[in-house]
Amino acid sequence: MSLELLANVLGVVSVAVSTAIYANQKRVEMKNNTIVSVKLILVDNSYEVSLPLKMLRKDVSRAEMLGRLGMIPMRQKGARFAIKSLFSQALMDEIIKVQLGATNVVTIPCTREEIEQFDLPNS
């Protein structure tokens, strides 16, 4: 095999590999930039509230979720929110599902009192 032929084959292979890597990076970027919504849902699944906080999949973490929940106005001005399930493995499982792309919604189980502490128009 001549050196010229080998160089041509390596060039074609390099282009194919580069194209595959670029396509994969674009796919991952699109997936990471997917909008994720957050819902508070009663533990018996009879009622849910979509929160006014949409996040990019790449930003979904427990810390970011707590920070954004803290930005929602409270019915009792100056109060800090309290949601017991924020400390559960179930929430971490929800976050992992979102991060892996299995779902585009984080659902946080709540009691009615936990939902009603927020000053939301639809609660």
PDB file of N, CA and C in Angstrom:
ATOM      1  N   MET A   1       0.858  -1.165   0.000  1.00  0.00           N
ATOM      2  CA  MET A   1       0.000   0.000   0.000  1.00  0.00           C
ATOM      3  C   MET A   1       0.909   1.234   0.000  1.00  0.00           C
ATOM      4  N   SER A   2       0.580   2.159  -0.847  1.00  0.00           N
ATOM      5  CA  SER A   2       1.416   3.355  -0.958  1.00  0.00           C
ATOM      6  C   SER A   2       1.095   4.328   0.174  1.00  0.00           C
ATOM      7  N   LEU A   3       2.038   5.194   0.424  1.00  0.00           N
ATOM      8  CA  LEU A   3       1.877   6.204   1.468  1.00  0.00           C
ATOM      9  C   LEU A   3       0.724   7.156   1.156  1.00  0.00           C
ATOM     10  N   GLU A   4       0.526   7.449  -0.109  1.00  0.00           N
ATOM     11  CA  GLU A   4      -0.562   8.349  -0.525  1.00  0.00           C
ATOM     12  C   GLU A   4      -1.917   7.722  -0.229  1.00  0.00           C
ATOM     13  N   LEU A   5      -2.070   6.450  -0.533  1.00  0.00           N
ATOM     14  CA  LEU A   5      -3.326   5.742  -0.273  1.00  0.00           C
ATOM     15  C   LEU A   5      -3.590   5.677   1.229  1.00  0.00           C
ATOM     16  N   LEU A   6      -2.560   5.375   2.013  1.00  0.00           N
ATOM     17  CA  LEU A   6      -2.697   5.312   3.461  1.00  0.00           C
ATOM     18  C   LEU A   6      -3.132   6.677   4.019  1.00  0.00           C
ATOM     19  N   ALA A   7      -2.535   7.751   3.522  1.00  0.00           N
ATOM     20  CA  ALA A   7      -2.888   9.102   3.961  1.00  0.00           C
ATOM     21  C   ALA A   7      -4.336   9.418   3.611  1.00  0.00           C
ATOM     22  N   ASN A   8      -4.796   9.017   2.441  1.00  0.00           N
ATOM     23  CA  ASN A   8      -6.196   9.245   2.037  1.00  0.00           C
ATOM     24  C   ASN A   8      -7.162   8.467   2.932  1.00  0.00           C
ATOM     25  N   VAL A   9      -6.833   7.224   3.235  1.00  0.00           N
ATOM     26  CA  VAL A   9      -7.690   6.401   4.098  1.00  0.00           C
ATOM     27  C   VAL A   9      -7.749   7.017   5.497  1.00  0.00           C
ATOM     28  N   LEU A  10      -6.611   7.412   6.032  1.00  0.00           N
ATOM     29  CA  LEU A  10      -6.585   8.044   7.346  1.00  0.00           C
ATOM     30  C   LEU A  10      -7.368   9.358   7.345  1.00  0.00           C
ATOM     31  N   GLY A  11      -7.303  10.103   6.284  1.00  0.00           N
ATOM     32  CA  GLY A  11      -8.067  11.343   6.167  1.00  0.00           C
ATOM     33  C   GLY A  11      -9.561  11.084   6.198  1.00  0.00           C
ATOM     34  N   VAL A  12     -10.018  10.085   5.453  1.00  0.00           N
ATOM     35  CA  VAL A  12     -11.449   9.742   5.420  1.00  0.00           C
ATOM     36  C   VAL A  12     -11.907   9.251   6.785  1.00  0.00           C
ATOM     37  N   VAL A  13     -11.106   8.405   7.422  1.00  0.00           N
ATOM     38  CA  VAL A  13     -11.457   7.892   8.749  1.00  0.00           C
ATOM     39  C   VAL A  13     -11.512   9.048   9.756  1.00  0.00           C
ATOM     40  N   SER A  14     -10.568   9.964   9.682  1.00  0.00           N
ATOM     41  CA  SER A  14     -10.556  11.118  10.590  1.00  0.00           C
ATOM     42  C   SER A  14     -11.804  11.978  10.426  1.00  0.00           C
ATOM     43  N   VAL A  15     -12.224  12.203   9.197  1.00  0.00           N
ATOM     44  CA  VAL A  15     -13.434  12.988   8.944  1.00  0.00           C
ATOM     45  C   VAL A  15     -14.650  12.271   9.516  1.00  0.00           C
ATOM     46  N   ALA A  16     -14.729  10.955   9.315  1.00  0.00           N
ATOM     47  CA  ALA A  16     -15.877  10.190   9.823  1.00  0.00           C
ATOM     48  C   ALA A  16     -15.926  10.225  11.347  1.00  0.00           C
ATOM     49  N   VAL A  17     -14.784  10.030  11.993  1.00  0.00           N
ATOM     50  CA  VAL A  17     -14.740  10.045  13.453  1.00  0.00           C
ATOM     51  C   VAL A  17     -15.064  11.446  13.974  1.00  0.00           C
ATOM     52  N   SER A  18     -14.513  12.471  13.374  1.00  0.00           N
ATOM     53  CA  SER A  18     -14.789  13.850  13.795  1.00  0.00           C
ATOM     54  C   SER A  18     -16.262  14.185  13.649  1.00  0.00           C
ATOM     55  N   THR A  19     -16.871  13.759  12.558  1.00  0.00           N
ATOM     56  CA  THR A  19     -18.299  14.000  12.333  1.00  0.00           C
ATOM     57  C   THR A  19     -19.137  13.295  13.389  1.00  0.00           C
ATOM     58  N   ALA A  20     -18.781  12.051  13.731  1.00  0.00           N
ATOM     59  CA  ALA A  20     -19.516  11.302  14.751  1.00  0.00           C
ATOM     60  C   ALA A  20     -19.381  11.977  16.112  1.00  0.00           C
ATOM     61  N   ILE A  21     -18.197  12.439  16.456  1.00  0.00           N
ATOM     62  CA  ILE A  21     -17.978  13.121  17.739  1.00  0.00           C
ATOM     63  C   ILE A  21     -18.775  14.423  17.784  1.00  0.00           C
ATOM     64  N   TYR A  22     -18.758  15.191  16.716  1.00  0.00           N
ATOM     65  CA  TYR A  22     -19.497  16.449  16.645  1.00  0.00           C
ATOM     66  C   TYR A  22     -21.001  16.197  16.802  1.00  0.00           C
ATOM     67  N   ALA A  23     -21.517  15.190  16.095  1.00  0.00           N
ATOM     68  CA  ALA A  23     -22.946  14.876  16.171  1.00  0.00           C
ATOM     69  C   ALA A  23     -23.326  14.465  17.588  1.00  0.00           C
ATOM     70  N   ASN A  24     -22.482  13.688  18.245  1.00  0.00           N
ATOM     71  CA  ASN A  24     -22.762  13.265  19.617  1.00  0.00           C
ATOM     72  C   ASN A  24     -22.742  14.461  20.561  1.00  0.00           C
ATOM     73  N   GLN A  25     -21.786  15.355  20.400  1.00  0.00           N
ATOM     74  CA  GLN A  25     -21.725  16.549  21.247  1.00  0.00           C
ATOM     75  C   GLN A  25     -22.970  17.417  21.068  1.00  0.00           C
ATOM     76  N   LYS A  26     -23.445  17.566  19.848  1.00  0.00           N
ATOM     77  CA  LYS A  26     -24.654  18.350  19.587  1.00  0.00           C
ATOM     78  C   LYS A  26     -25.872  17.686  20.226  1.00  0.00           C
ATOM     79  N   ARG A  27     -25.949  16.354  20.157  1.00  0.00           N
ATOM     80  CA  ARG A  27     -27.061  15.620  20.757  1.00  0.00           C
ATOM     81  C   ARG A  27     -27.061  15.825  22.273  1.00  0.00           C
ATOM     82  N   VAL A  28     -25.888  15.710  22.894  1.00  0.00           N
ATOM     83  CA  VAL A  28     -25.777  15.901  24.337  1.00  0.00           C
ATOM     84  C   VAL A  28     -26.122  17.343  24.705  1.00  0.00           C
ATOM     85  N   GLU A  29     -25.656  18.306  23.924  1.00  0.00           N
ATOM     86  CA  GLU A  29     -25.958  19.721  24.185  1.00  0.00           C
ATOM     87  C   GLU A  29     -27.459  19.983  24.100  1.00  0.00           C
ATOM     88  N   MET A  30     -28.110  19.420  23.098  1.00  0.00           N
ATOM     89  CA  MET A  30     -29.562  19.602  22.963  1.00  0.00           C
ATOM     90  C   MET A  30     -30.287  18.979  24.155  1.00  0.00           C
ATOM     91  N   LYS A  31     -29.840  17.791  24.567  1.00  0.00           N
ATOM     92  CA  LYS A  31     -30.459  17.116  25.705  1.00  0.00           C
ATOM     93  C   LYS A  31     -30.279  17.954  26.970  1.00  0.00           C
ATOM     94  N   ASN A  32     -29.080  18.480  27.192  1.00  0.00           N
ATOM     95  CA  ASN A  32     -28.805  19.273  28.394  1.00  0.00           C
ATOM     96  C   ASN A  32     -29.557  20.590  28.410  1.00  0.00           C
ATOM     97  N   ASN A  33     -29.933  21.107  27.259  1.00  0.00           N
ATOM     98  CA  ASN A  33     -30.646  22.378  27.182  1.00  0.00           C
ATOM     99  C   ASN A  33     -32.157  22.207  27.132  1.00  0.00           C
ATOM    100  N   THR A  34     -32.639  21.002  27.385  1.00  0.00           N
ATOM    101  CA  THR A  34     -34.070  20.750  27.462  1.00  0.00           C
ATOM    102  C   THR A  34     -34.639  21.435  28.704  1.00  0.00           C
ATOM    103  N   ILE A  35     -35.810  22.034  28.561  1.00  0.00           N
ATOM    104  CA  ILE A  35     -36.484  22.693  29.681  1.00  0.00           C
ATOM    105  C   ILE A  35     -37.138  21.634  30.564  1.00  0.00           C
ATOM    106  N   VAL A  36     -36.928  21.764  31.862  1.00  0.00           N
ATOM    107  CA  VAL A  36     -37.488  20.849  32.855  1.00  0.00           C
ATOM    108  C   VAL A  36     -38.424  21.659  33.742  1.00  0.00           C
ATOM    109  N   SER A  37     -39.579  21.109  34.037  1.00  0.00           N
ATOM    110  CA  SER A  37     -40.517  21.798  34.926  1.00  0.00           C
ATOM    111  C   SER A  37     -40.531  21.102  36.286  1.00  0.00           C
ATOM    112  N   VAL A  38     -41.015  21.836  37.281  1.00  0.00           N
ATOM    113  CA  VAL A  38     -41.075  21.329  38.646  1.00  0.00           C
ATOM    114  C   VAL A  38     -42.521  21.415  39.114  1.00  0.00           C
ATOM    115  N   LYS A  39     -43.008  20.321  39.699  1.00  0.00           N
ATOM    116  CA  LYS A  39     -44.388  20.282  40.198  1.00  0.00           C
ATOM    117  C   LYS A  39     -44.410  19.845  41.646  1.00  0.00           C
ATOM    118  N   LEU A  40     -45.271  20.495  42.416  1.00  0.00           N
ATOM    119  CA  LEU A  40     -45.585  20.043  43.759  1.00  0.00           C
ATOM    120  C   LEU A  40     -46.839  19.188  43.630  1.00  0.00           C
ATOM    121  N   ILE A  41     -46.814  18.006  44.180  1.00  0.00           N
ATOM    122  CA  ILE A  41     -47.958  17.107  44.036  1.00  0.00           C
ATOM    123  C   ILE A  41     -48.353  16.565  45.411  1.00  0.00           C
ATOM    124  N   LEU A  42     -49.649  16.568  45.671  1.00  0.00           N
ATOM    125  CA  LEU A  42     -50.120  16.015  46.948  1.00  0.00           C
ATOM    126  C   LEU A  42     -49.727  14.546  47.024  1.00  0.00           C
ATOM    127  N   VAL A  43     -49.413  14.102  48.218  1.00  0.00           N
ATOM    128  CA  VAL A  43     -48.930  12.733  48.381  1.00  0.00           C
ATOM    129  C   VAL A  43     -49.937  11.689  47.901  1.00  0.00           C
ATOM    130  N   ASP A  44     -51.219  12.018  47.880  1.00  0.00           N
ATOM    131  CA  ASP A  44     -52.207  11.063  47.372  1.00  0.00           C
ATOM    132  C   ASP A  44     -52.479  11.253  45.874  1.00  0.00           C
ATOM    133  N   ASN A  45     -51.681  12.100  45.205  1.00  0.00           N
ATOM    134  CA  ASN A  45     -51.771  12.370  43.764  1.00  0.00           C
ATOM    135  C   ASN A  45     -53.082  13.017  43.334  1.00  0.00           C
ATOM    136  N   SER A  46     -53.850  13.593  44.269  1.00  0.00           N
ATOM    137  CA  SER A  46     -55.142  14.173  43.914  1.00  0.00           C
ATOM    138  C   SER A  46     -55.039  15.617  43.421  1.00  0.00           C
ATOM    139  N   TYR A  47     -53.876  16.238  43.594  1.00  0.00           N
ATOM    140  CA  TYR A  47     -53.741  17.649  43.241  1.00  0.00           C
ATOM    141  C   TYR A  47     -52.273  17.939  42.952  1.00  0.00           C
ATOM    142  N   GLU A  48     -52.036  18.768  41.942  1.00  0.00           N
ATOM    143  CA  GLU A  48     -50.663  19.162  41.658  1.00  0.00           C
ATOM    144  C   GLU A  48     -50.609  20.621  41.226  1.00  0.00           C
ATOM    145  N   VAL A  49     -49.473  21.243  41.480  1.00  0.00           N
ATOM    146  CA  VAL A  49     -49.245  22.633  41.114  1.00  0.00           C
ATOM    147  C   VAL A  49     -47.930  22.700  40.349  1.00  0.00           C
ATOM    148  N   SER A  50     -47.987  23.270  39.152  1.00  0.00           N
ATOM    149  CA  SER A  50     -46.749  23.513  38.403  1.00  0.00           C
ATOM    150  C   SER A  50     -46.138  24.802  38.917  1.00  0.00           C
ATOM    151  N   LEU A  51     -44.889  24.724  39.298  1.00  0.00           N
ATOM    152  CA  LEU A  51     -44.218  25.903  39.842  1.00  0.00           C
ATOM    153  C   LEU A  51     -43.719  26.804  38.719  1.00  0.00           C
ATOM    154  N   PRO A  52     -43.625  28.092  39.003  1.00  0.00           N
ATOM    155  CA  PRO A  52     -43.159  29.031  37.979  1.00  0.00           C
ATOM    156  C   PRO A  52     -41.633  29.022  37.870  1.00  0.00           C
ATOM    157  N   LEU A  53     -41.053  27.847  37.947  1.00  0.00           N
ATOM    158  CA  LEU A  53     -39.612  27.757  37.771  1.00  0.00           C
ATOM    159  C   LEU A  53     -39.291  26.646  36.789  1.00  0.00           C
ATOM    160  N   LYS A  54     -38.854  27.072  35.644  1.00  0.00           N
ATOM    161  CA  LYS A  54     -38.398  26.139  34.622  1.00  0.00           C
ATOM    162  C   LYS A  54     -36.877  26.150  34.684  1.00  0.00           C
ATOM    163  N   MET A  55     -36.286  25.009  34.475  1.00  0.00           N
ATOM    164  CA  MET A  55     -34.837  24.881  34.562  1.00  0.00           C
ATOM    165  C   MET A  55     -34.325  24.136  33.338  1.00  0.00           C
ATOM    166  N   LEU A  56     -33.085  24.377  32.999  1.00  0.00           N
ATOM    167  CA  LEU A  56     -32.437  23.566  31.983  1.00  0.00           C
ATOM    168  C   LEU A  56     -31.992  22.271  32.649  1.00  0.00           C
ATOM    169  N   ARG A  57     -32.072  21.174  31.908  1.00  0.00           N
ATOM    170  CA  ARG A  57     -31.696  19.873  32.460  1.00  0.00           C
ATOM    171  C   ARG A  57     -30.294  19.928  33.083  1.00  0.00           C
ATOM    172  N   LYS A  58     -29.372  20.618  32.426  1.00  0.00           N
ATOM    173  CA  LYS A  58     -27.995  20.664  32.940  1.00  0.00           C
ATOM    174  C   LYS A  58     -27.890  21.393  34.264  1.00  0.00           C
ATOM    175  N   ASP A  59     -28.904  22.174  34.646  1.00  0.00           N
ATOM    176  CA  ASP A  59     -28.893  22.914  35.909  1.00  0.00           C
ATOM    177  C   ASP A  59     -29.620  22.191  37.036  1.00  0.00           C
ATOM    178  N   VAL A  60     -30.247  21.078  36.749  1.00  0.00           N
ATOM    179  CA  VAL A  60     -31.057  20.398  37.762  1.00  0.00           C
ATOM    180  C   VAL A  60     -30.148  19.703  38.776  1.00  0.00           C
ATOM    181  N   SER A  61     -30.236  20.200  40.004  1.00  0.00           N
ATOM    182  CA  SER A  61     -29.553  19.587  41.144  1.00  0.00           C
ATOM    183  C   SER A  61     -30.378  19.924  42.377  1.00  0.00           C
ATOM    184  N   ARG A  62     -30.124  19.226  43.465  1.00  0.00           N
ATOM    185  CA  ARG A  62     -30.871  19.500  44.681  1.00  0.00           C
ATOM    186  C   ARG A  62     -30.601  20.928  45.157  1.00  0.00           C
ATOM    187  N   ALA A  63     -29.359  21.349  45.091  1.00  0.00           N
ATOM    188  CA  ALA A  63     -29.004  22.701  45.545  1.00  0.00           C
ATOM    189  C   ALA A  63     -29.706  23.764  44.707  1.00  0.00           C
ATOM    190  N   GLU A  64     -29.700  23.590  43.392  1.00  0.00           N
ATOM    191  CA  GLU A  64     -30.368  24.562  42.513  1.00  0.00           C
ATOM    192  C   GLU A  64     -31.865  24.574  42.764  1.00  0.00           C
ATOM    193  N   MET A  65     -32.437  23.387  42.982  1.00  0.00           N
ATOM    194  CA  MET A  65     -33.870  23.286  43.258  1.00  0.00           C
ATOM    195  C   MET A  65     -34.217  24.029  44.548  1.00  0.00           C
ATOM    196  N   LEU A  66     -33.413  23.835  45.598  1.00  0.00           N
ATOM    197  CA  LEU A  66     -33.666  24.528  46.865  1.00  0.00           C
ATOM    198  C   LEU A  66     -33.548  26.038  46.695  1.00  0.00           C
ATOM    199  N   GLY A  67     -32.566  26.477  45.943  1.00  0.00           N
ATOM    200  CA  GLY A  67     -32.398  27.902  45.703  1.00  0.00           C
ATOM    201  C   GLY A  67     -33.575  28.502  44.964  1.00  0.00           C
ATOM    202  N   ARG A  68     -34.046  27.809  43.966  1.00  0.00           N
ATOM    203  CA  ARG A  68     -35.174  28.345  43.192  1.00  0.00           C
ATOM    204  C   ARG A  68     -36.473  28.286  43.980  1.00  0.00           C
ATOM    205  N   LEU A  69     -36.663  27.228  44.761  1.00  0.00           N
ATOM    206  CA  LEU A  69     -37.848  27.176  45.618  1.00  0.00           C
ATOM    207  C   LEU A  69     -37.830  28.335  46.612  1.00  0.00           C
ATOM    208  N   GLY A  70     -36.645  28.691  47.096  1.00  0.00           N
ATOM    209  CA  GLY A  70     -36.516  29.797  48.036  1.00  0.00           C
ATOM    210  C   GLY A  70     -36.850  31.145  47.427  1.00  0.00           C
ATOM    211  N   MET A  71     -36.861  31.235  46.104  1.00  0.00           N
ATOM    212  CA  MET A  71     -37.185  32.494  45.427  1.00  0.00           C
ATOM    213  C   MET A  71     -38.687  32.681  45.216  1.00  0.00           C
ATOM    214  N   ILE A  72     -39.471  31.640  45.440  1.00  0.00           N
ATOM    215  CA  ILE A  72     -40.926  31.742  45.256  1.00  0.00           C
ATOM    216  C   ILE A  72     -41.524  32.508  46.433  1.00  0.00           C
ATOM    217  N   PRO A  73     -42.386  33.488  46.161  1.00  0.00           N
ATOM    218  CA  PRO A  73     -43.004  34.248  47.257  1.00  0.00           C
ATOM    219  C   PRO A  73     -43.790  33.343  48.205  1.00  0.00           C
ATOM    220  N   MET A  74     -43.746  33.699  49.472  1.00  0.00           N
ATOM    221  CA  MET A  74     -44.459  32.943  50.508  1.00  0.00           C
ATOM    222  C   MET A  74     -45.722  33.697  50.908  1.00  0.00           C
ATOM    223  N   ARG A  75     -46.745  32.963  51.318  1.00  0.00           N
ATOM    224  CA  ARG A  75     -47.972  33.609  51.812  1.00  0.00           C
ATOM    225  C   ARG A  75     -47.661  34.419  53.075  1.00  0.00           C
ATOM    226  N   GLN A  76     -46.847  33.827  53.952  1.00  0.00           N
ATOM    227  CA  GLN A  76     -46.413  34.537  55.155  1.00  0.00           C
ATOM    228  C   GLN A  76     -45.091  35.206  54.815  1.00  0.00           C
ATOM    229  N   LYS A  77     -45.142  36.510  54.618  1.00  0.00           N
ATOM    230  CA  LYS A  77     -43.966  37.263  54.175  1.00  0.00           C
ATOM    231  C   LYS A  77     -42.783  37.045  55.116  1.00  0.00           C
ATOM    232  N   GLY A  78     -41.614  36.777  54.530  1.00  0.00           N
ATOM    233  CA  GLY A  78     -40.395  36.588  55.299  1.00  0.00           C
ATOM    234  C   GLY A  78     -40.169  35.178  55.799  1.00  0.00           C
ATOM    235  N   ALA A  79     -41.158  34.310  55.627  1.00  0.00           N
ATOM    236  CA  ALA A  79     -41.012  32.926  56.101  1.00  0.00           C
ATOM    237  C   ALA A  79     -40.128  32.134  55.146  1.00  0.00           C
ATOM    238  N   ARG A  80     -39.572  31.068  55.642  1.00  0.00           N
ATOM    239  CA  ARG A  80     -38.767  30.144  54.834  1.00  0.00           C
ATOM    240  C   ARG A  80     -39.628  28.927  54.563  1.00  0.00           C
ATOM    241  N   PHE A  81     -39.536  28.411  53.339  1.00  0.00           N
ATOM    242  CA  PHE A  81     -40.362  27.255  52.991  1.00  0.00           C
ATOM    243  C   PHE A  81     -39.868  25.995  53.708  1.00  0.00           C
ATOM    244  N   ALA A  82     -40.773  25.050  53.889  1.00  0.00           N
ATOM    245  CA  ALA A  82     -40.437  23.759  54.497  1.00  0.00           C
ATOM    246  C   ALA A  82     -41.194  22.670  53.747  1.00  0.00           C
ATOM    247  N   ILE A  83     -40.442  21.767  53.135  1.00  0.00           N
ATOM    248  CA  ILE A  83     -41.030  20.614  52.453  1.00  0.00           C
ATOM    249  C   ILE A  83     -40.238  19.387  52.900  1.00  0.00           C
ATOM    250  N   LYS A  84     -40.894  18.512  53.632  1.00  0.00           N
ATOM    251  CA  LYS A  84     -40.225  17.366  54.235  1.00  0.00           C
ATOM    252  C   LYS A  84     -39.564  16.450  53.191  1.00  0.00           C
ATOM    253  N   SER A  85     -40.213  16.274  52.046  1.00  0.00           N
ATOM    254  CA  SER A  85     -39.695  15.324  51.054  1.00  0.00           C
ATOM    255  C   SER A  85     -38.417  15.795  50.360  1.00  0.00           C
ATOM    256  N   LEU A  86     -38.011  17.052  50.580  1.00  0.00           N
ATOM    257  CA  LEU A  86     -36.769  17.546  49.975  1.00  0.00           C
ATOM    258  C   LEU A  86     -35.545  16.834  50.536  1.00  0.00           C
ATOM    259  N   PHE A  87     -35.725  16.138  51.650  1.00  0.00           N
ATOM    260  CA  PHE A  87     -34.628  15.424  52.286  1.00  0.00           C
ATOM    261  C   PHE A  87     -34.713  13.917  52.038  1.00  0.00           C
ATOM    262  N   SER A  88     -35.500  13.508  51.054  1.00  0.00           N
ATOM    263  CA  SER A  88     -35.729  12.084  50.817  1.00  0.00           C
ATOM    264  C   SER A  88     -34.918  11.558  49.634  1.00  0.00           C
ATOM    265  N   GLN A  89     -34.705  10.260  49.669  1.00  0.00           N
ATOM    266  CA  GLN A  89     -34.038   9.603  48.545  1.00  0.00           C
ATOM    267  C   GLN A  89     -34.928   9.648  47.306  1.00  0.00           C
ATOM    268  N   ALA A  90     -36.246   9.672  47.510  1.00  0.00           N
ATOM    269  CA  ALA A  90     -37.173   9.727  46.370  1.00  0.00           C
ATOM    270  C   ALA A  90     -36.930  10.979  45.527  1.00  0.00           C
ATOM    271  N   LEU A  91     -36.684  12.112  46.163  1.00  0.00           N
ATOM    272  CA  LEU A  91     -36.408  13.338  45.405  1.00  0.00           C
ATOM    273  C   LEU A  91     -35.092  13.198  44.650  1.00  0.00           C
ATOM    274  N   MET A  92     -34.094  12.640  45.303  1.00  0.00           N
ATOM    275  CA  MET A  92     -32.810  12.446  44.620  1.00  0.00           C
ATOM    276  C   MET A  92     -32.988  11.527  43.415  1.00  0.00           C
ATOM    277  N   ASP A  93     -33.834  10.511  43.542  1.00  0.00           N
ATOM    278  CA  ASP A  93     -34.124   9.620  42.410  1.00  0.00           C
ATOM    279  C   ASP A  93     -34.797  10.391  41.276  1.00  0.00           C
ATOM    280  N   GLU A  94     -35.716  11.302  41.624  1.00  0.00           N
ATOM    281  CA  GLU A  94     -36.373  12.150  40.613  1.00  0.00           C
ATOM    282  C   GLU A  94     -35.345  13.016  39.890  1.00  0.00           C
ATOM    283  N   ILE A  95     -34.445  13.601  40.640  1.00  0.00           N
ATOM    284  CA  ILE A  95     -33.418  14.459  40.054  1.00  0.00           C
ATOM    285  C   ILE A  95     -32.511  13.655  39.128  1.00  0.00           C
ATOM    286  N   ILE A  96     -32.144  12.465  39.555  1.00  0.00           N
ATOM    287  CA  ILE A  96     -31.292  11.605  38.720  1.00  0.00           C
ATOM    288  C   ILE A  96     -32.015  11.238  37.429  1.00  0.00           C
ATOM    289  N   LYS A  97     -33.313  10.930  37.508  1.00  0.00           N
ATOM    290  CA  LYS A  97     -34.085  10.613  36.295  1.00  0.00           C
ATOM    291  C   LYS A  97     -34.050  11.771  35.310  1.00  0.00           C
ATOM    292  N   VAL A  98     -34.199  12.992  35.835  1.00  0.00           N
ATOM    293  CA  VAL A  98     -34.152  14.178  34.973  1.00  0.00           C
ATOM    294  C   VAL A  98     -32.761  14.335  34.371  1.00  0.00           C
ATOM    295  N   GLN A  99     -31.738  14.211  35.196  1.00  0.00           N
ATOM    296  CA  GLN A  99     -30.372  14.374  34.706  1.00  0.00           C
ATOM    297  C   GLN A  99     -30.027  13.351  33.622  1.00  0.00           C
ATOM    298  N   LEU A 100     -30.571  12.148  33.739  1.00  0.00           N
ATOM    299  CA  LEU A 100     -30.307  11.094  32.746  1.00  0.00           C
ATOM    300  C   LEU A 100     -31.208  11.207  31.522  1.00  0.00           C
ATOM    301  N   GLY A 101     -32.197  12.081  31.584  1.00  0.00           N
ATOM    302  CA  GLY A 101     -33.084  12.288  30.441  1.00  0.00           C
ATOM    303  C   GLY A 101     -34.288  11.377  30.399  1.00  0.00           C
ATOM    304  N   ALA A 102     -34.579  10.691  31.501  1.00  0.00           N
ATOM    305  CA  ALA A 102     -35.724   9.780  31.537  1.00  0.00           C
ATOM    306  C   ALA A 102     -37.054  10.527  31.644  1.00  0.00           C
ATOM    307  N   THR A 103     -37.014  11.768  32.140  1.00  0.00           N
ATOM    308  CA  THR A 103     -38.221  12.574  32.282  1.00  0.00           C
ATOM    309  C   THR A 103     -37.850  14.050  32.209  1.00  0.00           C
ATOM    310  N   ASN A 104     -38.839  14.886  31.966  1.00  0.00           N
ATOM    311  CA  ASN A 104     -38.628  16.338  31.908  1.00  0.00           C
ATOM    312  C   ASN A 104     -39.374  17.059  33.027  1.00  0.00           C
ATOM    313  N   VAL A 105     -39.797  16.304  34.032  1.00  0.00           N
ATOM    314  CA  VAL A 105     -40.563  16.885  35.137  1.00  0.00           C
ATOM    315  C   VAL A 105     -40.021  16.346  36.457  1.00  0.00           C
ATOM    316  N   VAL A 106     -39.755  17.255  37.389  1.00  0.00           N
ATOM    317  CA  VAL A 106     -39.421  16.856  38.753  1.00  0.00           C
ATOM    318  C   VAL A 106     -40.690  17.010  39.569  1.00  0.00           C
ATOM    319  N   THR A 107     -41.154  15.942  40.180  1.00  0.00           N
ATOM    320  CA  THR A 107     -42.336  16.021  41.037  1.00  0.00           C
ATOM    321  C   THR A 107     -41.883  15.913  42.488  1.00  0.00           C
ATOM    322  N   ILE A 108     -42.369  16.839  43.297  1.00  0.00           N
ATOM    323  CA  ILE A 108     -42.012  16.879  44.710  1.00  0.00           C
ATOM    324  C   ILE A 108     -43.272  16.568  45.516  1.00  0.00           C
ATOM    325  N   PRO A 109     -43.324  15.424  46.191  1.00  0.00           N
ATOM    326  CA  PRO A 109     -44.494  15.098  47.010  1.00  0.00           C
ATOM    327  C   PRO A 109     -44.622  16.058  48.187  1.00  0.00           C
ATOM    328  N   CYS A 110     -45.846  16.539  48.429  1.00  0.00           N
ATOM    329  CA  CYS A 110     -46.095  17.527  49.488  1.00  0.00           C
ATOM    330  C   CYS A 110     -47.413  17.248  50.175  1.00  0.00           C
ATOM    331  N   THR A 111     -47.526  17.806  51.361  1.00  0.00           N
ATOM    332  CA  THR A 111     -48.829  17.863  52.015  1.00  0.00           C
ATOM    333  C   THR A 111     -49.534  19.122  51.508  1.00  0.00           C
ATOM    334  N   ARG A 112     -50.813  19.233  51.763  1.00  0.00           N
ATOM    335  CA  ARG A 112     -51.545  20.430  51.338  1.00  0.00           C
ATOM    336  C   ARG A 112     -50.956  21.678  51.995  1.00  0.00           C
ATOM    337  N   GLU A 113     -50.577  21.584  53.270  1.00  0.00           N
ATOM    338  CA  GLU A 113     -49.990  22.728  53.973  1.00  0.00           C
ATOM    339  C   GLU A 113     -48.677  23.152  53.318  1.00  0.00           C
ATOM    340  N   GLU A 114     -47.885  22.185  52.883  1.00  0.00           N
ATOM    341  CA  GLU A 114     -46.608  22.511  52.235  1.00  0.00           C
ATOM    342  C   GLU A 114     -46.831  23.240  50.908  1.00  0.00           C
ATOM    343  N   ILE A 115     -47.861  22.854  50.175  1.00  0.00           N
ATOM    344  CA  ILE A 115     -48.179  23.538  48.916  1.00  0.00           C
ATOM    345  C   ILE A 115     -48.717  24.935  49.201  1.00  0.00           C
ATOM    346  N   GLU A 116     -49.600  25.032  50.186  1.00  0.00           N
ATOM    347  CA  GLU A 116     -50.273  26.302  50.454  1.00  0.00           C
ATOM    348  C   GLU A 116     -49.373  27.345  51.106  1.00  0.00           C
ATOM    349  N   GLN A 117     -48.162  26.977  51.530  1.00  0.00           N
ATOM    350  CA  GLN A 117     -47.259  27.978  52.110  1.00  0.00           C
ATOM    351  C   GLN A 117     -46.752  28.957  51.050  1.00  0.00           C
ATOM    352  N   PHE A 118     -46.786  28.518  49.792  1.00  0.00           N
ATOM    353  CA  PHE A 118     -46.314  29.383  48.695  1.00  0.00           C
ATOM    354  C   PHE A 118     -47.446  30.280  48.227  1.00  0.00           C
ATOM    355  N   ASP A 119     -47.100  31.490  47.856  1.00  0.00           N
ATOM    356  CA  ASP A 119     -48.079  32.451  47.336  1.00  0.00           C
ATOM    357  C   ASP A 119     -48.134  32.300  45.816  1.00  0.00           C
ATOM    358  N   LEU A 120     -48.820  31.259  45.378  1.00  0.00           N
ATOM    359  CA  LEU A 120     -48.919  30.950  43.949  1.00  0.00           C
ATOM    360  C   LEU A 120     -50.334  31.232  43.475  1.00  0.00           C
ATOM    361  N   PRO A 121     -50.480  31.752  42.262  1.00  0.00           N
ATOM    362  CA  PRO A 121     -51.813  32.067  41.751  1.00  0.00           C
ATOM    363  C   PRO A 121     -52.685  30.834  41.562  1.00  0.00           C
ATOM    364  N   ASN A 122     -52.080  29.675  41.318  1.00  0.00           N
ATOM    365  CA  ASN A 122     -52.893  28.484  41.028  1.00  0.00           C
ATOM    366  C   ASN A 122     -52.909  27.487  42.178  1.00  0.00           C
ATOM    367  N   SER A 123     -52.631  27.944  43.392  1.00  0.00           N
ATOM    368  CA  SER A 123     -52.679  27.005  44.532  1.00  0.00           C
ATOM    369  C   SER A 123     -53.758  27.391  45.518  1.00  0.00           C
TER     370      SER A 123
END
